[in-house]
Amino acid sequence: MPIYEFKCEKCKIVFEVLQKFSDPDPLCGCGSEVKKMISLNSFRLKGDGWFKDGYSRRKENG
């Protein structure tokens, strides 16, 4: 599950929540609604197969 960042517009607190995409947005501790923030992610392909198995340059026939 991804970690989402939320910001309360009333008290300006920023917090993170581990939740499914389909889960409703949480409420702030003050009871106000929050906005989901756009944040960076760190997606990295590790292990065998990503580059050498189909994602490298195509070999020319010849």
PDB file of N, CA and C in Angstrom:
ATOM      1  N   MET A   1       0.841  -1.179   0.000  1.00  0.00           N
ATOM      2  CA  MET A   1       0.000   0.000   0.000  1.00  0.00           C
ATOM      3  C   MET A   1       0.889   1.245   0.000  1.00  0.00           C
ATOM      4  N   PRO A   2       0.456   2.266  -0.700  1.00  0.00           N
ATOM      5  CA  PRO A   2       1.246   3.499  -0.742  1.00  0.00           C
ATOM      6  C   PRO A   2       1.045   4.357   0.505  1.00  0.00           C
ATOM      7  N   ILE A   3       1.994   5.238   0.713  1.00  0.00           N
ATOM      8  CA  ILE A   3       1.905   6.219   1.794  1.00  0.00           C
ATOM      9  C   ILE A   3       1.497   7.550   1.162  1.00  0.00           C
ATOM     10  N   TYR A   4       0.412   8.127   1.659  1.00  0.00           N
ATOM     11  CA  TYR A   4      -0.085   9.403   1.148  1.00  0.00           C
ATOM     12  C   TYR A   4       0.175  10.497   2.171  1.00  0.00           C
ATOM     13  N   GLU A   5       0.454  11.707   1.673  1.00  0.00           N
ATOM     14  CA  GLU A   5       0.620  12.874   2.531  1.00  0.00           C
ATOM     15  C   GLU A   5      -0.651  13.714   2.459  1.00  0.00           C
ATOM     16  N   PHE A   6      -1.092  14.186   3.608  1.00  0.00           N
ATOM     17  CA  PHE A   6      -2.281  15.016   3.695  1.00  0.00           C
ATOM     18  C   PHE A   6      -1.941  16.294   4.443  1.00  0.00           C
ATOM     19  N   LYS A   7      -2.685  17.367   4.118  1.00  0.00           N
ATOM     20  CA  LYS A   7      -2.495  18.642   4.803  1.00  0.00           C
ATOM     21  C   LYS A   7      -3.849  19.186   5.227  1.00  0.00           C
ATOM     22  N   CYS A   8      -3.922  19.596   6.474  1.00  0.00           N
ATOM     23  CA  CYS A   8      -5.130  20.224   6.999  1.00  0.00           C
ATOM     24  C   CYS A   8      -5.086  21.703   6.648  1.00  0.00           C
ATOM     25  N   GLU A   9      -6.125  22.191   6.000  1.00  0.00           N
ATOM     26  CA  GLU A   9      -6.177  23.608   5.619  1.00  0.00           C
ATOM     27  C   GLU A   9      -6.440  24.508   6.824  1.00  0.00           C
ATOM     28  N   LYS A  10      -7.049  23.952   7.864  1.00  0.00           N
ATOM     29  CA  LYS A  10      -7.383  24.760   9.036  1.00  0.00           C
ATOM     30  C   LYS A  10      -6.172  24.976   9.946  1.00  0.00           C
ATOM     31  N   CYS A  11      -5.506  23.880  10.338  1.00  0.00           N
ATOM     32  CA  CYS A  11      -4.386  24.021  11.285  1.00  0.00           C
ATOM     33  C   CYS A  11      -3.016  23.829  10.631  1.00  0.00           C
ATOM     34  N   LYS A  12      -2.991  23.592   9.309  1.00  0.00           N
ATOM     35  CA  LYS A  12      -1.754  23.509   8.511  1.00  0.00           C
ATOM     36  C   LYS A  12      -0.839  22.327   8.871  1.00  0.00           C
ATOM     37  N   ILE A  13      -1.365  21.341   9.569  1.00  0.00           N
ATOM     38  CA  ILE A  13      -0.571  20.158   9.906  1.00  0.00           C
ATOM     39  C   ILE A  13      -0.467  19.256   8.679  1.00  0.00           C
ATOM     40  N   VAL A  14       0.727  18.698   8.458  1.00  0.00           N
ATOM     41  CA  VAL A  14       0.961  17.744   7.374  1.00  0.00           C
ATOM     42  C   VAL A  14       1.244  16.391   8.018  1.00  0.00           C
ATOM     43  N   PHE A  15       0.568  15.338   7.532  1.00  0.00           N
ATOM     44  CA  PHE A  15       0.794  14.006   8.079  1.00  0.00           C
ATOM     45  C   PHE A  15       0.694  12.963   6.982  1.00  0.00           C
ATOM     46  N   GLU A  16       1.248  11.779   7.263  1.00  0.00           N
ATOM     47  CA  GLU A  16       1.270  10.676   6.305  1.00  0.00           C
ATOM     48  C   GLU A  16       0.352   9.558   6.779  1.00  0.00           C
ATOM     49  N   VAL A  17      -0.270   8.872   5.802  1.00  0.00           N
ATOM     50  CA  VAL A  17      -1.144   7.743   6.107  1.00  0.00           C
ATOM     51  C   VAL A  17      -0.854   6.625   5.120  1.00  0.00           C
ATOM     52  N   LEU A  18      -0.708   5.405   5.630  1.00  0.00           N
ATOM     53  CA  LEU A  18      -0.554   4.221   4.802  1.00  0.00           C
ATOM     54  C   LEU A  18      -1.956   3.686   4.544  1.00  0.00           C
ATOM     55  N   GLN A  19      -2.425   3.784   3.287  1.00  0.00           N
ATOM     56  CA  GLN A  19      -3.790   3.357   2.985  1.00  0.00           C
ATOM     57  C   GLN A  19      -3.930   2.966   1.529  1.00  0.00           C
ATOM     58  N   LYS A  20      -5.022   2.265   1.236  1.00  0.00           N
ATOM     59  CA  LYS A  20      -5.340   1.890  -0.138  1.00  0.00           C
ATOM     60  C   LYS A  20      -5.809   3.127  -0.897  1.00  0.00           C
ATOM     61  N   PHE A  21      -5.683   3.080  -2.228  1.00  0.00           N
ATOM     62  CA  PHE A  21      -6.150   4.192  -3.058  1.00  0.00           C
ATOM     63  C   PHE A  21      -7.651   4.399  -2.882  1.00  0.00           C
ATOM     64  N   SER A  22      -8.389   3.304  -2.692  1.00  0.00           N
ATOM     65  CA  SER A  22      -9.847   3.371  -2.600  1.00  0.00           C
ATOM     66  C   SER A  22     -10.351   3.810  -1.223  1.00  0.00           C
ATOM     67  N   ASP A  23      -9.478   3.882  -0.215  1.00  0.00           N
ATOM     68  CA  ASP A  23      -9.899   4.308   1.118  1.00  0.00           C
ATOM     69  C   ASP A  23     -10.260   5.790   1.114  1.00  0.00           C
ATOM     70  N   PRO A  24     -11.234   6.180   1.942  1.00  0.00           N
ATOM     71  CA  PRO A  24     -11.575   7.608   2.021  1.00  0.00           C
ATOM     72  C   PRO A  24     -10.456   8.387   2.708  1.00  0.00           C
ATOM     73  N   ASP A  25     -10.363   9.677   2.400  1.00  0.00           N
ATOM     74  CA  ASP A  25      -9.363  10.522   3.046  1.00  0.00           C
ATOM     75  C   ASP A  25      -9.669  10.608   4.541  1.00  0.00           C
ATOM     76  N   PRO A  26      -8.637  10.606   5.372  1.00  0.00           N
ATOM     77  CA  PRO A  26      -8.856  10.699   6.819  1.00  0.00           C
ATOM     78  C   PRO A  26      -9.237  12.120   7.222  1.00  0.00           C
ATOM     79  N   LEU A  27      -9.635  12.277   8.458  1.00  0.00           N
ATOM     80  CA  LEU A  27      -9.869  13.603   9.025  1.00  0.00           C
ATOM     81  C   LEU A  27      -8.642  13.991   9.834  1.00  0.00           C
ATOM     82  N   CYS A  28      -8.419  15.272   9.965  1.00  0.00           N
ATOM     83  CA  CYS A  28      -7.324  15.778  10.787  1.00  0.00           C
ATOM     84  C   CYS A  28      -7.681  15.564  12.260  1.00  0.00           C
ATOM     85  N   GLY A  29      -6.694  15.659  13.121  1.00  0.00           N
ATOM     86  CA  GLY A  29      -6.935  15.541  14.556  1.00  0.00           C
ATOM     87  C   GLY A  29      -7.874  16.608  15.087  1.00  0.00           C
ATOM     88  N   CYS A  30      -7.934  17.754  14.385  1.00  0.00           N
ATOM     89  CA  CYS A  30      -8.831  18.833  14.805  1.00  0.00           C
ATOM     90  C   CYS A  30     -10.258  18.613  14.301  1.00  0.00           C
ATOM     91  N   GLY A  31     -10.461  17.554  13.480  1.00  0.00           N
ATOM     92  CA  GLY A  31     -11.789  17.243  12.965  1.00  0.00           C
ATOM     93  C   GLY A  31     -12.074  17.805  11.587  1.00  0.00           C
ATOM     94  N   SER A  32     -11.155  18.579  11.037  1.00  0.00           N
ATOM     95  CA  SER A  32     -11.349  19.183   9.717  1.00  0.00           C
ATOM     96  C   SER A  32     -10.997  18.204   8.605  1.00  0.00           C
ATOM     97  N   GLU A  33     -11.529  18.472   7.426  1.00  0.00           N
ATOM     98  CA  GLU A  33     -11.169  17.682   6.257  1.00  0.00           C
ATOM     99  C   GLU A  33      -9.767  18.071   5.809  1.00  0.00           C
ATOM    100  N   VAL A  34      -9.105  17.160   5.107  1.00  0.00           N
ATOM    101  CA  VAL A  34      -7.733  17.389   4.652  1.00  0.00           C
ATOM    102  C   VAL A  34      -7.662  17.272   3.138  1.00  0.00           C
ATOM    103  N   LYS A  35      -6.574  17.800   2.561  1.00  0.00           N
ATOM    104  CA  LYS A  35      -6.312  17.679   1.125  1.00  0.00           C
ATOM    105  C   LYS A  35      -5.126  16.761   0.921  1.00  0.00           C
ATOM    106  N   LYS A  36      -5.234  15.894  -0.092  1.00  0.00           N
ATOM    107  CA  LYS A  36      -4.123  15.014  -0.431  1.00  0.00           C
ATOM    108  C   LYS A  36      -3.075  15.840  -1.160  1.00  0.00           C
ATOM    109  N   MET A  37      -1.825  15.712  -0.735  1.00  0.00           N
ATOM    110  CA  MET A  37      -0.730  16.466  -1.332  1.00  0.00           C
ATOM    111  C   MET A  37      -0.044  15.629  -2.407  1.00  0.00           C
ATOM    112  N   ILE A  38       0.547  16.304  -3.357  1.00  0.00           N
ATOM    113  CA  ILE A  38       1.366  15.632  -4.360  1.00  0.00           C
ATOM    114  C   ILE A  38       2.768  15.528  -3.775  1.00  0.00           C
ATOM    115  N   SER A  39       3.293  14.320  -3.736  1.00  0.00           N
ATOM    116  CA  SER A  39       4.628  14.137  -3.172  1.00  0.00           C
ATOM    117  C   SER A  39       5.460  13.234  -4.063  1.00  0.00           C
ATOM    118  N   LEU A  40       6.749  13.220  -3.817  1.00  0.00           N
ATOM    119  CA  LEU A  40       7.664  12.407  -4.607  1.00  0.00           C
ATOM    120  C   LEU A  40       7.561  10.943  -4.199  1.00  0.00           C
ATOM    121  N   ASN A  41       7.881  10.098  -5.145  1.00  0.00           N
ATOM    122  CA  ASN A  41       7.960   8.681  -4.810  1.00  0.00           C
ATOM    123  C   ASN A  41       9.351   8.186  -5.153  1.00  0.00           C
ATOM    124  N   SER A  42       9.649   6.998  -4.732  1.00  0.00           N
ATOM    125  CA  SER A  42      10.970   6.435  -5.017  1.00  0.00           C
ATOM    126  C   SER A  42      10.804   5.038  -5.603  1.00  0.00           C
ATOM    127  N   PHE A  43      10.313   4.982  -6.811  1.00  0.00           N
ATOM    128  CA  PHE A  43      10.118   3.722  -7.515  1.00  0.00           C
ATOM    129  C   PHE A  43      11.420   3.343  -8.184  1.00  0.00           C
ATOM    130  N   ARG A  44      11.859   2.118  -7.945  1.00  0.00           N
ATOM    131  CA  ARG A  44      13.123   1.676  -8.516  1.00  0.00           C
ATOM    132  C   ARG A  44      12.998   0.220  -8.935  1.00  0.00           C
ATOM    133  N   LEU A  45      13.392  -0.073 -10.158  1.00  0.00           N
ATOM    134  CA  LEU A  45      13.368  -1.441 -10.647  1.00  0.00           C
ATOM    135  C   LEU A  45      14.652  -2.128 -10.204  1.00  0.00           C
ATOM    136  N   LYS A  46      14.509  -3.200  -9.436  1.00  0.00           N
ATOM    137  CA  LYS A  46      15.674  -3.924  -8.950  1.00  0.00           C
ATOM    138  C   LYS A  46      15.567  -5.381  -9.376  1.00  0.00           C
ATOM    139  N   GLY A  47      16.692  -6.016  -9.488  1.00  0.00           N
ATOM    140  CA  GLY A  47      16.709  -7.436  -9.786  1.00  0.00           C
ATOM    141  C   GLY A  47      16.911  -7.712 -11.254  1.00  0.00           C
ATOM    142  N   ASP A  48      16.941  -8.978 -11.571  1.00  0.00           N
ATOM    143  CA  ASP A  48      17.157  -9.407 -12.947  1.00  0.00           C
ATOM    144  C   ASP A  48      15.907  -9.220 -13.791  1.00  0.00           C
ATOM    145  N   GLY A  49      16.135  -9.069 -15.082  1.00  0.00           N
ATOM    146  CA  GLY A  49      15.026  -9.118 -16.009  1.00  0.00           C
ATOM    147  C   GLY A  49      14.515  -7.809 -16.545  1.00  0.00           C
ATOM    148  N   TRP A  50      14.712  -6.709 -15.869  1.00  0.00           N
ATOM    149  CA  TRP A  50      14.114  -5.469 -16.335  1.00  0.00           C
ATOM    150  C   TRP A  50      14.814  -4.918 -17.562  1.00  0.00           C
ATOM    151  N   PHE A  51      16.115  -4.865 -17.560  1.00  0.00           N
ATOM    152  CA  PHE A  51      16.822  -4.295 -18.698  1.00  0.00           C
ATOM    153  C   PHE A  51      17.132  -5.350 -19.742  1.00  0.00           C
ATOM    154  N   LYS A  52      17.668  -6.458 -19.319  1.00  0.00           N
ATOM    155  CA  LYS A  52      18.144  -7.437 -20.291  1.00  0.00           C
ATOM    156  C   LYS A  52      17.032  -8.273 -20.905  1.00  0.00           C
ATOM    157  N   ASP A  53      15.871  -8.339 -20.300  1.00  0.00           N
ATOM    158  CA  ASP A  53      14.785  -9.174 -20.812  1.00  0.00           C
ATOM    159  C   ASP A  53      13.664  -8.340 -21.417  1.00  0.00           C
ATOM    160  N   GLY A  54      13.944  -7.677 -22.526  1.00  0.00           N
ATOM    161  CA  GLY A  54      12.873  -7.002 -23.236  1.00  0.00           C
ATOM    162  C   GLY A  54      12.873  -5.495 -23.172  1.00  0.00           C
ATOM    163  N   TYR A  55      13.681  -4.896 -22.328  1.00  0.00           N
ATOM    164  CA  TYR A  55      13.678  -3.449 -22.224  1.00  0.00           C
ATOM    165  C   TYR A  55      14.983  -2.824 -22.713  1.00  0.00           C
ATOM    166  N   SER A  56      15.852  -3.632 -23.263  1.00  0.00           N
ATOM    167  CA  SER A  56      17.089  -3.104 -23.832  1.00  0.00           C
ATOM    168  C   SER A  56      16.872  -2.822 -25.312  1.00  0.00           C
ATOM    169  N   ARG A  57      17.899  -2.340 -25.969  1.00  0.00           N
ATOM    170  CA  ARG A  57      17.795  -2.088 -27.410  1.00  0.00           C
ATOM    171  C   ARG A  57      17.508  -3.389 -28.138  1.00  0.00           C
ATOM    172  N   ARG A  58      16.744  -3.268 -29.184  1.00  0.00           N
ATOM    173  CA  ARG A  58      16.422  -4.463 -29.976  1.00  0.00           C
ATOM    174  C   ARG A  58      17.642  -4.912 -30.765  1.00  0.00           C
ATOM    175  N   LYS A  59      17.835  -6.205 -30.810  1.00  0.00           N
ATOM    176  CA  LYS A  59      18.939  -6.761 -31.589  1.00  0.00           C
ATOM    177  C   LYS A  59      18.552  -6.767 -33.057  1.00  0.00           C
ATOM    178  N   GLU A  60      19.487  -6.359 -33.888  1.00  0.00           N
ATOM    179  CA  GLU A  60      19.225  -6.355 -35.328  1.00  0.00           C
ATOM    180  C   GLU A  60      19.463  -7.743 -35.895  1.00  0.00           C
ATOM    181  N   ASN A  61      18.582  -8.156 -36.805  1.00  0.00           N
ATOM    182  CA  ASN A  61      18.768  -9.452 -37.471  1.00  0.00           C
ATOM    183  C   ASN A  61      19.889  -9.329 -38.483  1.00  0.00           C
ATOM    184  N   GLY A  62      20.741 -10.313 -38.531  1.00  0.00           N
ATOM    185  CA  GLY A  62      21.770 -10.174 -39.541  1.00  0.00           C
ATOM    186  C   GLY A  62      22.893 -11.008 -39.339  1.00  0.00           C
TER     187      GLY A  62
END
